[in-house]
């Protein structure tokens, strides 16, 4: 599975630790800074001082395909009443509203502990796709860029292509993207095997930032018609 080319979130959050509640999937993403803590740059400890910083730290872990991580909340003021409830809300936001989280994350489990200087949040992330595929997600600005990307990709006959679309308008839809696939297919300079099926899934269900998972079904080469075979020989 393709965990697409990802837009990395800037580093500017230290660490927390966690273990506690399961969340079901989904989100829409924005990125303040994320920074590794000076205390442990090699252990993926992140630092945050605000709720949005906490969300960004979790998104950073998702983008990197991390299955565990630590976030430390320093001088932290809760927006929901307690640090634990903020973490719970942030996990829901990441898994339900952020496009990449909605596409790739099954749930986040966390545990929050308090020290004299900070809250430590330990998180464990479970994915619905292979985390390594996240690096293959293709980021584009606007759905119109999808066709151009597909023109270059279709000769390899991929079975799945995932796009992270940063500007998805009200006119855009799964049908818009299916049409982009057909246009990219028809624009190929060399004949390709017949494209038998195109399925488009969007994450989340609404929003100006979406992940589009495009699943392609190709006719096997051994089942090509004589005309297709001769056309391929000429080229």
C-alpha atoms as a PDB file:
ATOM      1  CA  UNK A   1       0.000   0.000   0.000  1.00  0.00           C
ATOM      2  CA  UNK A   2       1.210   3.448  -0.574  1.00  0.00           C
ATOM      3  CA  UNK A   3       1.716   5.454   2.500  1.00  0.00           C
ATOM      4  CA  UNK A   4       1.927   8.801  -1.253  1.00  0.00           C
ATOM      5  CA  UNK A   5       4.860  11.679  -1.389  1.00  0.00           C
ATOM      6  CA  UNK A   6       4.145  13.563   1.829  1.00  0.00           C
ATOM      7  CA  UNK A   7       4.443  17.190   2.803  1.00  0.00           C
ATOM      8  CA  UNK A   8       6.606  16.990   5.940  1.00  0.00           C
ATOM      9  CA  UNK A   9       5.426  18.997   8.920  1.00  0.00           C
ATOM     10  CA  UNK A  10       8.065  21.475  10.167  1.00  0.00           C
ATOM     11  CA  UNK A  11       9.836  20.406  13.357  1.00  0.00           C
ATOM     12  CA  UNK A  12       9.026  22.438  16.521  1.00  0.00           C
ATOM     13  CA  UNK A  13       7.425  20.247  19.269  1.00  0.00           C
ATOM     14  CA  UNK A  14       9.151  18.293  22.192  1.00  0.00           C
ATOM     15  CA  UNK A  15       7.770  15.100  23.751  1.00  0.00           C
ATOM     16  CA  UNK A  16       4.896  13.708  25.758  1.00  0.00           C
ATOM     17  CA  UNK A  17       4.086  10.129  26.760  1.00  0.00           C
ATOM     18  CA  UNK A  18       0.842   8.188  26.691  1.00  0.00           C
ATOM     19  CA  UNK A  19      -1.262   5.027  27.002  1.00  0.00           C
ATOM     20  CA  UNK A  20      -4.964   4.995  27.221  1.00  0.00           C
ATOM     21  CA  UNK A  21      -7.859   5.447  24.828  1.00  0.00           C
ATOM     22  CA  UNK A  22      -8.747   3.987  21.447  1.00  0.00           C
ATOM     23  CA  UNK A  23     -10.023   6.302  18.747  1.00  0.00           C
ATOM     24  CA  UNK A  24     -11.630   5.401  15.463  1.00  0.00           C
ATOM     25  CA  UNK A  25     -10.445   7.048  12.232  1.00  0.00           C
ATOM     26  CA  UNK A  26     -10.353  10.547  10.475  1.00  0.00           C
ATOM     27  CA  UNK A  27      -9.027  14.769   9.884  1.00  0.00           C
ATOM     28  CA  UNK A  28      -8.080  18.147   7.814  1.00  0.00           C
ATOM     29  CA  UNK A  29      -4.472  19.368   8.355  1.00  0.00           C
ATOM     30  CA  UNK A  30      -2.636  22.545   9.173  1.00  0.00           C
ATOM     31  CA  UNK A  31       0.951  22.662  10.410  1.00  0.00           C
ATOM     32  CA  UNK A  32       2.568  24.879  13.016  1.00  0.00           C
ATOM     33  CA  UNK A  33       6.061  23.929  14.100  1.00  0.00           C
ATOM     34  CA  UNK A  34       7.250  20.605  15.249  1.00  0.00           C
ATOM     35  CA  UNK A  35      10.667  20.323  16.791  1.00  0.00           C
ATOM     36  CA  UNK A  36      12.636  17.563  18.373  1.00  0.00           C
ATOM     37  CA  UNK A  37      13.419  18.033  22.031  1.00  0.00           C
ATOM     38  CA  UNK A  38      17.025  18.947  22.799  1.00  0.00           C
ATOM     39  CA  UNK A  39      16.902  16.160  25.349  1.00  0.00           C
ATOM     40  CA  UNK A  40      16.603  13.262  22.906  1.00  0.00           C
ATOM     41  CA  UNK A  41      16.852  14.016  19.211  1.00  0.00           C
ATOM     42  CA  UNK A  42      17.259  10.347  18.391  1.00  0.00           C
ATOM     43  CA  UNK A  43      14.168   9.109  20.197  1.00  0.00           C
ATOM     44  CA  UNK A  44      11.489  11.097  18.325  1.00  0.00           C
ATOM     45  CA  UNK A  45      10.548  13.098  21.404  1.00  0.00           C
ATOM     46  CA  UNK A  46       8.486  16.086  20.314  1.00  0.00           C
ATOM     47  CA  UNK A  47       7.663  19.301  22.143  1.00  0.00           C
ATOM     48  CA  UNK A  48       4.411  21.298  22.144  1.00  0.00           C
ATOM     49  CA  UNK A  49       3.138  24.281  24.105  1.00  0.00           C
ATOM     50  CA  UNK A  50      -0.340  24.704  22.575  1.00  0.00           C
ATOM     51  CA  UNK A  51      -3.233  22.515  21.486  1.00  0.00           C
ATOM     52  CA  UNK A  52      -2.456  23.170  17.807  1.00  0.00           C
ATOM     53  CA  UNK A  53       1.159  22.266  18.489  1.00  0.00           C
ATOM     54  CA  UNK A  54      -0.050  18.979  19.974  1.00  0.00           C
ATOM     55  CA  UNK A  55      -2.113  18.269  16.832  1.00  0.00           C
ATOM     56  CA  UNK A  56       0.900  19.088  14.659  1.00  0.00           C
ATOM     57  CA  UNK A  57       3.100  16.723  16.665  1.00  0.00           C
ATOM     58  CA  UNK A  58       0.633  13.875  16.130  1.00  0.00           C
ATOM     59  CA  UNK A  59       0.415  14.679  12.416  1.00  0.00           C
ATOM     60  CA  UNK A  60       4.192  14.640  12.179  1.00  0.00           C
ATOM     61  CA  UNK A  61       4.224  11.106  13.602  1.00  0.00           C
ATOM     62  CA  UNK A  62       1.574  10.053  11.059  1.00  0.00           C
ATOM     63  CA  UNK A  63       3.449  11.564   8.129  1.00  0.00           C
ATOM     64  CA  UNK A  64       6.591   9.733   9.184  1.00  0.00           C
ATOM     65  CA  UNK A  65       4.652   6.468   9.534  1.00  0.00           C
ATOM     66  CA  UNK A  66       5.729   6.161  13.179  1.00  0.00           C
ATOM     67  CA  UNK A  67       3.978   3.503  15.246  1.00  0.00           C
ATOM     68  CA  UNK A  68       5.021   5.010  18.585  1.00  0.00           C
ATOM     69  CA  UNK A  69       6.037   8.461  19.731  1.00  0.00           C
ATOM     70  CA  UNK A  70       6.432  10.783  22.693  1.00  0.00           C
ATOM     71  CA  UNK A  71       5.207  14.362  22.973  1.00  0.00           C
ATOM     72  CA  UNK A  72       6.034  16.621  25.912  1.00  0.00           C
ATOM     73  CA  UNK A  73       3.700  19.484  26.697  1.00  0.00           C
ATOM     74  CA  UNK A  74       5.533  22.400  28.321  1.00  0.00           C
ATOM     75  CA  UNK A  75       3.826  25.439  29.907  1.00  0.00           C
ATOM     76  CA  UNK A  76       0.663  23.943  28.502  1.00  0.00           C
ATOM     77  CA  UNK A  77      -2.762  25.549  28.882  1.00  0.00           C
ATOM     78  CA  UNK A  78      -5.627  23.139  28.252  1.00  0.00           C
ATOM     79  CA  UNK A  79      -8.445  24.121  25.879  1.00  0.00           C
ATOM     80  CA  UNK A  80     -10.863  21.436  27.089  1.00  0.00           C
ATOM     81  CA  UNK A  81     -10.149  21.394  30.826  1.00  0.00           C
ATOM     82  CA  UNK A  82      -7.374  18.815  31.185  1.00  0.00           C
ATOM     83  CA  UNK A  83      -4.324  17.751  29.201  1.00  0.00           C
ATOM     84  CA  UNK A  84      -5.748  14.233  28.882  1.00  0.00           C
ATOM     85  CA  UNK A  85      -8.995  15.471  27.345  1.00  0.00           C
ATOM     86  CA  UNK A  86      -7.013  17.682  24.962  1.00  0.00           C
ATOM     87  CA  UNK A  87      -4.999  14.653  23.833  1.00  0.00           C
ATOM     88  CA  UNK A  88      -8.210  12.710  23.309  1.00  0.00           C
ATOM     89  CA  UNK A  89      -9.664  15.529  21.188  1.00  0.00           C
ATOM     90  CA  UNK A  90      -6.424  15.961  19.227  1.00  0.00           C
ATOM     91  CA  UNK A  91      -6.330  12.245  18.395  1.00  0.00           C
ATOM     92  CA  UNK A  92      -9.900  12.403  17.115  1.00  0.00           C
ATOM     93  CA  UNK A  93      -9.074  15.468  15.035  1.00  0.00           C
ATOM     94  CA  UNK A  94      -6.089  13.738  13.475  1.00  0.00           C
ATOM     95  CA  UNK A  95      -7.935  10.486  12.733  1.00  0.00           C
ATOM     96  CA  UNK A  96     -11.225  12.003  11.576  1.00  0.00           C
ATOM     97  CA  UNK A  97     -10.545  15.429  10.049  1.00  0.00           C
ATOM     98  CA  UNK A  98      -6.997  15.394   8.672  1.00  0.00           C
ATOM     99  CA  UNK A  99      -6.944  13.832   5.168  1.00  0.00           C
ATOM    100  CA  UNK A 100      -3.838  11.740   5.744  1.00  0.00           C
ATOM    101  CA  UNK A 101      -5.022  10.612   9.169  1.00  0.00           C
ATOM    102  CA  UNK A 102      -8.480   9.744   7.842  1.00  0.00           C
ATOM    103  CA  UNK A 103      -6.900   7.715   5.055  1.00  0.00           C
ATOM    104  CA  UNK A 104      -4.123   5.934   6.912  1.00  0.00           C
ATOM    105  CA  UNK A 105      -4.784   5.813  10.684  1.00  0.00           C
ATOM    106  CA  UNK A 106      -7.054   3.203  12.250  1.00  0.00           C
ATOM    107  CA  UNK A 107      -6.715   4.437  15.836  1.00  0.00           C
ATOM    108  CA  UNK A 108      -4.367   6.131  18.289  1.00  0.00           C
ATOM    109  CA  UNK A 109      -3.816   4.814  21.802  1.00  0.00           C
ATOM    110  CA  UNK A 110      -2.262   7.185  24.339  1.00  0.00           C
ATOM    111  CA  UNK A 111      -1.207   7.616  27.953  1.00  0.00           C
ATOM    112  CA  UNK A 112      -0.634  10.956  29.712  1.00  0.00           C
ATOM    113  CA  UNK A 113       1.532  11.397  32.794  1.00  0.00           C
ATOM    114  CA  UNK A 114       2.441  14.610  34.606  1.00  0.00           C
ATOM    115  CA  UNK A 115       5.846  15.650  35.928  1.00  0.00           C
ATOM    116  CA  UNK A 116       6.844  18.863  37.694  1.00  0.00           C
ATOM    117  CA  UNK A 117       7.893  20.416  34.353  1.00  0.00           C
ATOM    118  CA  UNK A 118       5.648  18.970  31.658  1.00  0.00           C
ATOM    119  CA  UNK A 119       2.960  16.484  30.632  1.00  0.00           C
ATOM    120  CA  UNK A 120       4.361  13.476  28.856  1.00  0.00           C
ATOM    121  CA  UNK A 121       2.170  11.825  26.231  1.00  0.00           C
ATOM    122  CA  UNK A 122       3.080   8.368  24.964  1.00  0.00           C
ATOM    123  CA  UNK A 123       1.202   7.410  21.807  1.00  0.00           C
ATOM    124  CA  UNK A 124       0.805   4.221  19.792  1.00  0.00           C
ATOM    125  CA  UNK A 125      -0.603   4.472  16.281  1.00  0.00           C
ATOM    126  CA  UNK A 126      -2.299   1.701  14.294  1.00  0.00           C
ATOM    127  CA  UNK A 127      -2.596   2.106  10.532  1.00  0.00           C
ATOM    128  CA  UNK A 128      -5.046   0.845   7.924  1.00  0.00           C
ATOM    129  CA  UNK A 129      -2.287   0.874   5.304  1.00  0.00           C
ATOM    130  CA  UNK A 130       1.378  -0.088   5.396  1.00  0.00           C
ATOM    131  CA  UNK A 131       3.088   2.944   7.026  1.00  0.00           C
ATOM    132  CA  UNK A 132       5.840   2.786   4.406  1.00  0.00           C
ATOM    133  CA  UNK A 133       3.288   3.725   1.754  1.00  0.00           C
ATOM    134  CA  UNK A 134       2.813   7.154   3.303  1.00  0.00           C
ATOM    135  CA  UNK A 135       6.079   8.271   1.734  1.00  0.00           C
ATOM    136  CA  UNK A 136       4.590   7.510  -1.680  1.00  0.00           C
ATOM    137  CA  UNK A 137       1.553   9.751  -1.338  1.00  0.00           C
ATOM    138  CA  UNK A 138       1.694  12.404  -4.066  1.00  0.00           C
ATOM    139  CA  UNK A 139       0.914  15.955  -2.931  1.00  0.00           C
ATOM    140  CA  UNK A 140      -0.774  18.229  -5.463  1.00  0.00           C
ATOM    141  CA  UNK A 141      -2.355  21.683  -5.368  1.00  0.00           C
ATOM    142  CA  UNK A 142      -5.821  21.306  -6.854  1.00  0.00           C
ATOM    143  CA  UNK A 143      -7.468  18.339  -8.534  1.00  0.00           C
ATOM    144  CA  UNK A 144      -6.492  19.587 -12.002  1.00  0.00           C
ATOM    145  CA  UNK A 145      -2.892  18.551 -11.273  1.00  0.00           C
ATOM    146  CA  UNK A 146      -4.002  14.934 -10.852  1.00  0.00           C
ATOM    147  CA  UNK A 147      -4.325  14.294 -14.600  1.00  0.00           C
ATOM    148  CA  UNK A 148      -0.787  15.545 -15.293  1.00  0.00           C
ATOM    149  CA  UNK A 149       0.635  13.281 -12.586  1.00  0.00           C
ATOM    150  CA  UNK A 150      -1.345  10.320 -13.918  1.00  0.00           C
ATOM    151  CA  UNK A 151      -0.038  10.811 -17.466  1.00  0.00           C
ATOM    152  CA  UNK A 152       3.444  10.044 -16.167  1.00  0.00           C
ATOM    153  CA  UNK A 153       2.334   7.184 -13.889  1.00  0.00           C
ATOM    154  CA  UNK A 154      -0.051   5.152 -16.066  1.00  0.00           C
ATOM    155  CA  UNK A 155       2.630   3.589 -18.336  1.00  0.00           C
ATOM    156  CA  UNK A 156       3.760   1.613 -15.257  1.00  0.00           C
ATOM    157  CA  UNK A 157       0.187   0.288 -14.868  1.00  0.00           C
ATOM    158  CA  UNK A 158      -0.095   1.010 -11.126  1.00  0.00           C
ATOM    159  CA  UNK A 159      -2.881  -0.693  -9.218  1.00  0.00           C
ATOM    160  CA  UNK A 160      -3.131   2.143  -6.718  1.00  0.00           C
ATOM    161  CA  UNK A 161      -2.194   5.813  -6.708  1.00  0.00           C
ATOM    162  CA  UNK A 162      -2.815   8.083  -3.733  1.00  0.00           C
ATOM    163  CA  UNK A 163      -2.960  11.872  -3.940  1.00  0.00           C
ATOM    164  CA  UNK A 164      -3.011  14.435  -1.155  1.00  0.00           C
ATOM    165  CA  UNK A 165      -4.979  17.320  -2.668  1.00  0.00           C
ATOM    166  CA  UNK A 166      -4.528  20.657  -0.925  1.00  0.00           C
ATOM    167  CA  UNK A 167      -7.324  22.545  -2.681  1.00  0.00           C
ATOM    168  CA  UNK A 168     -10.433  20.481  -3.342  1.00  0.00           C
ATOM    169  CA  UNK A 169     -13.282  22.692  -4.588  1.00  0.00           C
ATOM    170  CA  UNK A 170     -17.050  22.192  -4.325  1.00  0.00           C
ATOM    171  CA  UNK A 171     -17.060  21.255  -8.014  1.00  0.00           C
ATOM    172  CA  UNK A 172     -14.575  18.447  -7.435  1.00  0.00           C
ATOM    173  CA  UNK A 173     -15.759  14.912  -6.718  1.00  0.00           C
ATOM    174  CA  UNK A 174     -14.797  11.261  -7.101  1.00  0.00           C
ATOM    175  CA  UNK A 175     -16.283  11.483 -10.605  1.00  0.00           C
ATOM    176  CA  UNK A 176     -13.973  14.421 -11.439  1.00  0.00           C
ATOM    177  CA  UNK A 177     -10.983  12.248 -10.551  1.00  0.00           C
ATOM    178  CA  UNK A 178     -12.299   9.245 -12.497  1.00  0.00           C
ATOM    179  CA  UNK A 179     -12.542  11.528 -15.513  1.00  0.00           C
ATOM    180  CA  UNK A 180      -8.943  12.655 -14.923  1.00  0.00           C
ATOM    181  CA  UNK A 181      -7.860   9.006 -15.056  1.00  0.00           C
ATOM    182  CA  UNK A 182      -9.692   8.459 -18.357  1.00  0.00           C
ATOM    183  CA  UNK A 183      -8.191  11.590 -19.908  1.00  0.00           C
ATOM    184  CA  UNK A 184      -4.682  10.637 -18.782  1.00  0.00           C
ATOM    185  CA  UNK A 185      -5.220   7.134 -20.194  1.00  0.00           C
ATOM    186  CA  UNK A 186      -6.444   8.432 -23.562  1.00  0.00           C
ATOM    187  CA  UNK A 187      -3.508  10.856 -23.769  1.00  0.00           C
ATOM    188  CA  UNK A 188      -0.902   8.078 -23.606  1.00  0.00           C
ATOM    189  CA  UNK A 189       1.432   8.121 -26.625  1.00  0.00           C
ATOM    190  CA  UNK A 190       1.691   4.307 -26.589  1.00  0.00           C
ATOM    191  CA  UNK A 191      -1.223   1.885 -26.225  1.00  0.00           C
ATOM    192  CA  UNK A 192      -1.723   0.446 -22.753  1.00  0.00           C
ATOM    193  CA  UNK A 193      -3.698  -2.662 -21.773  1.00  0.00           C
ATOM    194  CA  UNK A 194      -7.419  -1.947 -21.377  1.00  0.00           C
ATOM    195  CA  UNK A 195      -8.315  -0.223 -18.101  1.00  0.00           C
ATOM    196  CA  UNK A 196     -11.213  -2.289 -16.787  1.00  0.00           C
ATOM    197  CA  UNK A 197     -12.068  -0.385 -13.634  1.00  0.00           C
ATOM    198  CA  UNK A 198     -11.380   2.844 -11.765  1.00  0.00           C
ATOM    199  CA  UNK A 199     -12.448   3.252  -8.128  1.00  0.00           C
ATOM    200  CA  UNK A 200     -11.928   6.514  -6.247  1.00  0.00           C
ATOM    201  CA  UNK A 201     -12.142   6.861  -2.457  1.00  0.00           C
ATOM    202  CA  UNK A 202     -11.937  10.262  -0.749  1.00  0.00           C
ATOM    203  CA  UNK A 203     -10.751  10.954   2.818  1.00  0.00           C
ATOM    204  CA  UNK A 204     -12.376  12.583   4.713  1.00  0.00           C
ATOM    205  CA  UNK A 205     -15.888  12.833   3.239  1.00  0.00           C
ATOM    206  CA  UNK A 206     -15.730  16.632   2.952  1.00  0.00           C
ATOM    207  CA  UNK A 207     -13.291  19.519   3.166  1.00  0.00           C
ATOM    208  CA  UNK A 208     -10.891  21.543   1.035  1.00  0.00           C
ATOM    209  CA  UNK A 209      -8.021  19.185   1.826  1.00  0.00           C
ATOM    210  CA  UNK A 210      -8.590  15.580   0.810  1.00  0.00           C
ATOM    211  CA  UNK A 211      -6.715  12.366   0.169  1.00  0.00           C
ATOM    212  CA  UNK A 212      -7.851  10.562  -2.980  1.00  0.00           C
ATOM    213  CA  UNK A 213      -7.108   6.851  -3.240  1.00  0.00           C
ATOM    214  CA  UNK A 214      -7.412   5.726  -6.880  1.00  0.00           C
ATOM    215  CA  UNK A 215      -7.618   1.965  -7.479  1.00  0.00           C
ATOM    216  CA  UNK A 216      -7.012   0.769 -11.050  1.00  0.00           C
ATOM    217  CA  UNK A 217      -7.889  -2.603 -12.566  1.00  0.00           C
ATOM    218  CA  UNK A 218      -5.990  -3.512 -15.733  1.00  0.00           C
ATOM    219  CA  UNK A 219      -6.727  -6.270 -18.212  1.00  0.00           C
ATOM    220  CA  UNK A 220      -3.961  -8.860 -18.071  1.00  0.00           C
ATOM    221  CA  UNK A 221      -1.611  -8.707 -21.042  1.00  0.00           C
ATOM    222  CA  UNK A 222      -2.377 -12.318 -21.990  1.00  0.00           C
ATOM    223  CA  UNK A 223      -6.019 -11.310 -22.453  1.00  0.00           C
ATOM    224  CA  UNK A 224      -5.351  -8.462 -24.876  1.00  0.00           C
ATOM    225  CA  UNK A 225      -7.132  -8.550 -28.216  1.00  0.00           C
ATOM    226  CA  UNK A 226      -5.174  -9.190 -31.426  1.00  0.00           C
ATOM    227  CA  UNK A 227      -5.666  -5.514 -32.343  1.00  0.00           C
ATOM    228  CA  UNK A 228      -4.174  -4.404 -29.007  1.00  0.00           C
ATOM    229  CA  UNK A 229      -1.242  -6.778 -29.469  1.00  0.00           C
ATOM    230  CA  UNK A 230      -0.510  -5.566 -33.016  1.00  0.00           C
ATOM    231  CA  UNK A 231      -0.847  -1.949 -31.872  1.00  0.00           C
ATOM    232  CA  UNK A 232       1.759  -2.519 -29.186  1.00  0.00           C
ATOM    233  CA  UNK A 233       4.118  -4.127 -31.748  1.00  0.00           C
ATOM    234  CA  UNK A 234       3.899  -1.090 -34.028  1.00  0.00           C
ATOM    235  CA  UNK A 235       4.953   1.132 -31.150  1.00  0.00           C
END
